[in-house]
Structure formats: structure tokens, C-alpha cells
Amino acid sequence: MICLENVRYYLPKQNFLLQDVSLQLEPGHVYGLLGHNGAGKTTLLRLMAGLIRRFDGKATVDGVDIRQRPVNYLQRLSFVAEKPYTPPLKIYEFLDLYAPLYPSFDVKLFHTLAKTMDLNPYEYLGKLSFGYLKRFYLAFSLATQAEYLFWDEPTNGLDITTKHILRKHIASQVKEHQTMVIATHHIEEVEPLLDAIVILHYGEVIFSASLEECERLFSYKVTNDESLVKKALYAEATPMGYQVLLKREDDEETRIPLSFLFEASIRQVGLFRELGRRSQ
């Protein structure tokens, strides 16, 4: 389990990139790390991956300080950056060099994914288009079978077919002992995979909850009933009426579109901050 306590990170002469972040990320969950560009999503992923070591607060994995970059943790961690590094290697050379670093690497799975994603093992990484480079790194990441999978904007550069393939393999490959964090502002592209969300706003976690908790807290409707619009926590006009987010008062469960829930949180920061504290 990854535990962050009052983590603060800033650069000289800049505002805080992370402000008093406290989180617990548990195995068996796929978290959506949601936020607009500049909210701090990449910074948080890099910190949890051990790539940022000078910060205030506490960050541990299974009780060990992440700043120490323990080898046992790095062997169980796969981080895919939004713009991956491209070494002067062919795909099979990269595989030969880096796969042995992961004790659980599944070569057969990688080749299955590579074939599905139309990757040529003899192609130089530097000659791949951005979309194909992302395909490669995502396939490699899944094949590591790492316990901690951190992906930064994984769907950027992917076509519709590849996004579908990726969602299918994540749903079938991510196991109960794994923790996956997908940082994105393209919420609808990963929504079917998520079972928990963390919402970042200007470096602050304003809300964090499982989707099950969200359904206990809120109800969602599309309505023309003005009384519901007036009592809504957040309302947004649509061609069919109003989308409204309400405090749940009955036993009826409703599916809440995450893009709408995210927009509500950004518009009602104080409310969601307080709800997040109560649910902890």
C-alpha cells in the first residue's frame, strides 16, 4: 500500500505544485487521478515513483520511505510517462535489456500484446510515431505485471481501436494484488476501468473516494424539474434539460458520469473538500 501524509512540493519562486496531499492507495484498485492540465497529476505520479525526492511530508510504500528508492519497490513499479523516453534501441533490444529488471515479466504476454497492437520487434523505437511508441510502452508496462502501475495520460496519441484493445487488456490483466493509477483529463476514455477517483485541483486533493462511496453520497438525474435544479449540489444545462448532482436521500443507486462529477467538484471545491474529509 502507498501512503502519503501531508506531502508538499514546490519549486523555487513558484507556487506549490502539491499542497498537503494525504492519500492511501490500496491493492486491487484502478484509480483515476483526475485534474485539469497543471493540476499536479504528473508531479504526484513522479513523486510516488521515486523520481522526486525533495519534498515535505511522508511518502511510504508498505511502510518504507519512497525517497530511499528501495530496489524491491522499483522492481514492482512500472511508470509510463506522457512523453516516454526513446533510447536508440530496437524493440527486441529494449526487451532484452529491461525485461530482466522485472522478476514477474511475462514475455509471452508482451508478444501477444505487441502482435495485437501491430508492433514490429525489429523496429527502432526512435522511428516509431508517437502513437506507436505509446503502444509499445503500455504493452511493456502490462507485461511487467508490476504491483504498481502508474500511467500518465495513456490514451494520448492512441487511435480508437487501440484504446479499445488497451481497455480490454487492462480489464483482463490487472490483478487483485496490483494498484493502478491512471492520470488523465480525458475521463470518458478510461471511465469504464476505474473503481476509485482522486481529484486534484491546483496541487490539492479536493476529493478522493471509491465509485461505490460516490454512489452512496450522490444521486444523478437529467430533469426539467426546477425544484430539483434549485436543490442540486451542481446543475448543468443540456439539450434534454438539466444534469443535476444531488445529495442522495433514498435507496435508489444511480450511475454518475465521472466527467460530470469532476466538473461539479471543480465548481464546488469547498463542498467536495468537506465531503472528502467526512468519507475518510
Protein backbone atom coordinates (compact mmCIF):
# COMPACT_ATOMS: atom_id res chain seq x y z
CA MET A 1 0.00 0.00 0.00
CA ILE A 2 1.15 3.53 -0.79
CA CYS A 3 0.58 6.09 1.92
CA LEU A 4 1.09 9.84 1.56
CA GLU A 5 0.83 12.12 4.59
CA ASN A 6 0.82 15.91 4.27
CA VAL A 7 3.05 15.86 1.19
CA ARG A 8 4.06 19.32 -0.02
CA TYR A 9 6.23 20.00 -3.03
CA TYR A 10 7.23 23.26 -4.68
CA LEU A 11 9.94 24.70 -6.87
CA PRO A 12 11.84 27.92 -6.03
CA LYS A 13 9.92 31.09 -6.94
CA GLN A 14 6.85 29.03 -7.88
CA ASN A 15 3.58 28.19 -6.19
CA PHE A 16 3.11 24.82 -4.54
CA LEU A 17 2.81 22.01 -7.08
CA LEU A 18 1.45 19.72 -4.36
CA GLN A 19 -0.27 21.02 -1.23
CA ASP A 20 -0.73 18.85 1.88
CA VAL A 21 -1.58 15.73 -0.11
CA SER A 22 -2.72 12.81 2.04
CA LEU A 23 -3.73 9.57 0.31
CA GLN A 24 -3.87 5.84 0.73
CA LEU A 25 -3.71 3.76 -2.45
CA GLU A 26 -4.64 0.15 -1.84
CA PRO A 27 -4.11 -3.02 -3.90
CA GLY A 28 -6.89 -4.26 -6.12
CA HIS A 29 -7.98 -0.83 -7.31
CA VAL A 30 -7.74 1.15 -10.53
CA TYR A 31 -7.63 4.81 -9.54
CA GLY A 32 -8.42 7.69 -11.83
CA LEU A 33 -6.18 10.64 -10.98
CA LEU A 34 -8.31 13.44 -12.39
CA GLY A 35 -7.49 17.09 -12.92
CA HIS A 36 -7.07 19.81 -15.50
CA ASN A 37 -3.68 20.41 -17.11
CA GLY A 38 -1.34 21.84 -14.50
CA ALA A 39 -3.28 20.39 -11.55
CA GLY A 40 -0.26 18.36 -10.38
CA LYS A 41 -1.09 14.91 -11.74
CA THR A 42 2.31 14.26 -13.35
CA THR A 43 4.14 15.66 -10.31
CA LEU A 44 2.24 13.33 -8.00
CA LEU A 45 2.93 10.28 -10.18
CA ARG A 46 6.63 11.13 -10.39
CA LEU A 47 6.84 11.57 -6.63
CA MET A 48 5.18 8.21 -5.96
CA ALA A 49 7.54 6.62 -8.49
CA GLY A 50 10.55 7.90 -6.53
CA LEU A 51 11.61 10.38 -9.20
CA ILE A 52 11.09 13.38 -6.90
CA ARG A 53 12.91 13.06 -3.60
CA ARG A 54 12.98 16.55 -2.09
CA PHE A 55 9.58 17.26 -0.63
CA ASP A 56 7.96 17.83 2.74
CA GLY A 57 5.77 15.24 4.39
CA LYS A 58 5.82 11.48 4.35
CA ALA A 59 5.52 9.04 1.43
CA THR A 60 5.82 5.31 2.06
CA VAL A 61 5.20 2.05 0.25
CA ASP A 62 4.50 -0.89 2.54
CA GLY A 63 5.99 1.19 5.35
CA VAL A 64 9.25 2.02 3.56
CA ASP A 65 10.20 5.61 2.64
CA ILE A 66 9.77 6.06 -1.13
CA ARG A 67 12.60 8.62 -1.11
CA GLN A 68 15.01 5.76 -0.45
CA ARG A 69 14.03 4.25 -3.81
CA PRO A 70 14.12 0.68 -2.44
CA VAL A 71 15.05 -1.83 -5.13
CA ASN A 72 12.24 -4.12 -4.07
CA TYR A 73 9.78 -1.32 -4.83
CA LEU A 74 11.33 -0.33 -8.16
CA GLN A 75 11.14 -3.95 -9.32
CA ARG A 76 7.40 -3.84 -8.62
CA LEU A 77 6.79 -0.46 -10.23
CA SER A 78 6.03 0.49 -13.83
CA PHE A 79 5.70 4.17 -14.71
CA VAL A 80 4.66 5.21 -18.22
CA ALA A 81 5.26 8.92 -18.80
CA GLU A 82 3.06 11.03 -21.06
CA LYS A 83 6.07 11.54 -23.35
CA PRO A 84 8.21 8.41 -22.98
CA TYR A 85 11.99 8.31 -23.34
CA THR A 86 13.18 6.83 -26.66
CA PRO A 87 16.58 5.12 -26.37
CA PRO A 88 18.42 4.21 -29.62
CA LEU A 89 17.26 0.60 -29.45
CA LYS A 90 15.07 -1.77 -31.40
CA ILE A 91 12.05 -3.14 -29.58
CA TYR A 92 13.61 -6.57 -29.04
CA GLU A 93 16.83 -4.94 -27.77
CA PHE A 94 14.84 -2.88 -25.27
CA LEU A 95 13.11 -6.06 -24.18
CA ASP A 96 16.41 -7.91 -23.71
CA LEU A 97 17.85 -5.03 -21.69
CA TYR A 98 14.96 -4.02 -19.45
CA ALA A 99 12.66 -7.04 -19.08
CA PRO A 100 15.11 -8.84 -16.71
CA LEU A 101 14.74 -5.95 -14.25
CA TYR A 102 11.20 -7.13 -13.53
CA PRO A 103 11.07 -10.54 -11.78
CA SER A 104 7.47 -11.12 -12.93
CA PHE A 105 7.89 -10.03 -16.54
CA ASP A 106 5.75 -12.13 -18.88
CA VAL A 107 7.49 -12.32 -22.28
CA LYS A 108 4.64 -14.31 -23.80
CA LEU A 109 2.14 -11.67 -22.74
CA PHE A 110 4.29 -8.91 -24.20
CA HIS A 111 4.48 -10.61 -27.59
CA THR A 112 0.72 -11.21 -27.52
CA LEU A 113 0.12 -7.53 -26.82
CA ALA A 114 2.73 -6.47 -29.38
CA LYS A 115 1.05 -8.55 -32.07
CA THR A 116 -2.38 -7.21 -31.15
CA MET A 117 -1.05 -3.64 -31.29
CA ASP A 118 0.79 -4.20 -34.60
CA LEU A 119 4.29 -3.68 -33.15
CA ASN A 120 7.33 -4.93 -35.09
CA PRO A 121 10.03 -6.23 -32.67
CA TYR A 122 12.76 -5.22 -35.15
CA GLU A 123 11.66 -1.59 -35.41
CA TYR A 124 13.77 1.14 -33.81
CA LEU A 125 11.91 2.95 -31.02
CA GLY A 126 13.17 6.28 -32.36
CA LYS A 127 11.45 5.66 -35.69
CA LEU A 128 8.04 4.92 -34.19
CA SER A 129 5.29 7.52 -34.36
CA PHE A 130 4.13 8.93 -31.03
CA GLY A 131 1.06 6.68 -31.05
CA TYR A 132 3.06 3.51 -31.73
CA LEU A 133 5.62 4.48 -29.09
CA LYS A 134 2.81 4.77 -26.55
CA ARG A 135 1.51 1.37 -27.67
CA PHE A 136 4.92 -0.15 -27.02
CA TYR A 137 5.39 1.31 -23.56
CA LEU A 138 1.88 0.42 -22.45
CA ALA A 139 2.31 -3.16 -23.69
CA PHE A 140 5.68 -3.38 -21.91
CA SER A 141 4.14 -1.98 -18.73
CA LEU A 142 1.32 -4.54 -18.68
CA ALA A 143 3.82 -7.34 -19.35
CA THR A 144 5.93 -6.36 -16.31
CA GLN A 145 2.98 -7.49 -14.16
CA ALA A 146 4.23 -4.89 -11.69
CA GLU A 147 2.28 -4.42 -8.49
CA TYR A 148 2.21 -0.65 -9.02
CA LEU A 149 1.26 0.69 -12.45
CA PHE A 150 1.40 4.47 -12.90
CA TRP A 151 0.27 5.75 -16.29
CA ASP A 152 0.31 9.43 -17.26
CA GLU A 153 -2.24 10.35 -19.96
CA PRO A 154 -2.02 6.85 -21.51
CA THR A 155 -4.65 7.44 -24.20
CA ASN A 156 -2.93 10.48 -25.74
CA GLY A 157 -1.86 9.62 -29.28
CA LEU A 158 -3.83 6.36 -29.48
CA ASP A 159 -6.46 5.69 -32.11
CA ILE A 160 -9.95 4.43 -31.21
CA THR A 161 -9.14 0.78 -31.95
CA THR A 162 -6.02 0.80 -29.79
CA LYS A 163 -7.90 2.47 -26.93
CA HIS A 164 -10.46 -0.35 -27.09
CA ILE A 165 -7.71 -3.01 -27.11
CA LEU A 166 -6.00 -1.32 -24.18
CA ARG A 167 -9.18 -1.15 -22.09
CA LYS A 168 -9.88 -4.80 -22.83
CA HIS A 169 -6.41 -5.92 -21.70
CA ILE A 170 -6.41 -3.77 -18.58
CA ALA A 171 -9.75 -5.23 -17.56
CA SER A 172 -8.44 -8.77 -18.06
CA GLN A 173 -4.83 -8.40 -16.89
CA VAL A 174 -4.86 -6.18 -13.78
CA LYS A 175 -5.00 -8.45 -10.73
CA GLU A 176 -6.17 -8.04 -7.14
CA HIS A 177 -2.63 -7.54 -5.81
CA GLN A 178 -1.96 -4.67 -8.21
CA THR A 179 -2.54 -0.95 -7.77
CA MET A 180 -3.09 1.07 -10.93
CA VAL A 181 -3.19 4.87 -11.13
CA ILE A 182 -4.24 6.45 -14.43
CA ALA A 183 -3.69 10.21 -14.59
CA THR A 184 -5.91 11.81 -17.21
CA HIS A 185 -8.13 14.70 -18.15
CA HIS A 186 -9.80 12.52 -20.83
CA ILE A 187 -12.05 10.96 -18.22
CA GLU A 188 -14.56 9.31 -20.53
CA GLU A 189 -11.81 7.25 -22.23
CA VAL A 190 -10.85 5.39 -19.04
CA GLU A 191 -14.06 5.65 -17.01
CA PRO A 192 -15.16 2.01 -17.52
CA LEU A 193 -11.90 0.81 -15.92
CA LEU A 194 -11.98 2.88 -12.75
CA ASP A 195 -13.28 1.88 -9.35
CA ALA A 196 -11.94 4.88 -7.42
CA ILE A 197 -11.07 8.51 -8.13
CA VAL A 198 -8.66 11.11 -6.80
CA ILE A 199 -9.39 14.68 -7.88
CA LEU A 200 -6.53 17.18 -7.91
CA HIS A 201 -7.07 20.93 -8.16
CA TYR A 202 -4.09 23.31 -8.08
CA GLY A 203 -1.97 20.68 -6.32
CA GLU A 204 -4.57 19.85 -3.69
CA VAL A 205 -6.58 16.64 -3.37
CA ILE A 206 -10.08 18.05 -3.01
CA PHE A 207 -11.86 14.68 -3.19
CA SER A 208 -10.91 11.02 -3.07
CA ALA A 209 -13.36 8.13 -2.94
CA SER A 210 -14.32 4.80 -4.43
CA LEU A 211 -17.10 4.86 -7.00
CA GLU A 212 -19.17 2.87 -4.51
CA GLU A 213 -18.73 5.68 -1.98
CA CYS A 214 -19.67 8.23 -4.63
CA GLU A 215 -22.93 6.37 -5.27
CA ARG A 216 -23.67 6.42 -1.53
CA LEU A 217 -23.07 10.17 -1.36
CA PHE A 218 -24.72 11.39 -4.56
CA SER A 219 -27.53 10.77 -6.99
CA TYR A 220 -27.64 11.92 -10.59
CA LYS A 221 -30.58 12.87 -12.76
CA VAL A 222 -31.44 14.59 -16.01
CA THR A 223 -34.53 16.65 -15.30
CA ASN A 224 -36.68 19.69 -16.12
CA ASP A 225 -37.97 19.85 -12.55
CA GLU A 226 -36.98 23.32 -11.32
CA SER A 227 -37.27 22.28 -7.67
CA LEU A 228 -34.58 19.62 -8.22
CA VAL A 229 -32.38 22.10 -10.05
CA LYS A 230 -32.63 24.56 -7.13
CA LYS A 231 -31.69 21.96 -4.50
CA ALA A 232 -28.89 20.41 -6.60
CA LEU A 233 -25.30 20.47 -5.40
CA TYR A 234 -24.43 21.25 -9.00
CA ALA A 235 -26.53 21.66 -12.15
CA GLU A 236 -25.62 21.99 -15.80
CA ALA A 237 -27.89 22.74 -18.75
CA THR A 238 -28.19 20.19 -21.56
CA PRO A 239 -30.42 19.94 -24.66
CA MET A 240 -32.59 17.44 -22.69
CA GLY A 241 -32.96 19.62 -19.60
CA TYR A 242 -30.55 19.84 -16.68
CA GLN A 243 -27.98 17.40 -15.39
CA VAL A 244 -28.13 17.60 -11.61
CA LEU A 245 -25.98 16.20 -8.85
CA LEU A 246 -27.95 15.72 -5.67
CA LYS A 247 -27.23 14.59 -2.18
CA ARG A 248 -28.53 11.04 -2.07
CA GLU A 249 -31.63 10.74 0.10
CA ASP A 250 -33.12 7.40 -0.95
CA ASP A 251 -32.08 3.82 -1.69
CA GLU A 252 -32.01 4.27 -5.46
CA GLU A 253 -28.50 3.91 -6.92
CA THR A 254 -27.67 5.95 -9.99
CA ARG A 255 -24.63 5.83 -12.22
CA ILE A 256 -22.85 9.19 -12.06
CA PRO A 257 -20.87 10.20 -15.17
CA LEU A 258 -17.37 10.88 -13.86
CA SER A 259 -16.81 13.83 -16.18
CA PHE A 260 -19.89 15.50 -14.64
CA LEU A 261 -18.81 14.61 -11.10
CA PHE A 262 -15.37 16.04 -11.81
CA GLU A 263 -16.84 19.28 -13.18
CA ALA A 264 -19.05 19.56 -10.12
CA SER A 265 -16.04 19.16 -7.82
CA ILE A 266 -14.12 21.91 -9.60
CA ARG A 267 -17.12 24.25 -9.40
CA GLN A 268 -17.85 23.39 -5.75
CA VAL A 269 -14.36 22.92 -4.30
CA GLY A 270 -15.29 23.73 -0.70
CA LEU A 271 -18.22 21.32 -0.67
CA PHE A 272 -16.23 18.44 -2.13
CA ARG A 273 -13.29 19.13 0.15
CA GLU A 274 -15.60 18.77 3.15
CA LEU A 275 -17.30 15.65 1.75
CA GLY A 276 -13.88 14.10 1.16
CA ARG A 277 -12.89 14.71 4.78
CA ARG A 278 -16.10 13.11 6.05
CA SER A 279 -15.66 9.99 3.92
CA GLN A 280 -12.09 9.33 5.18
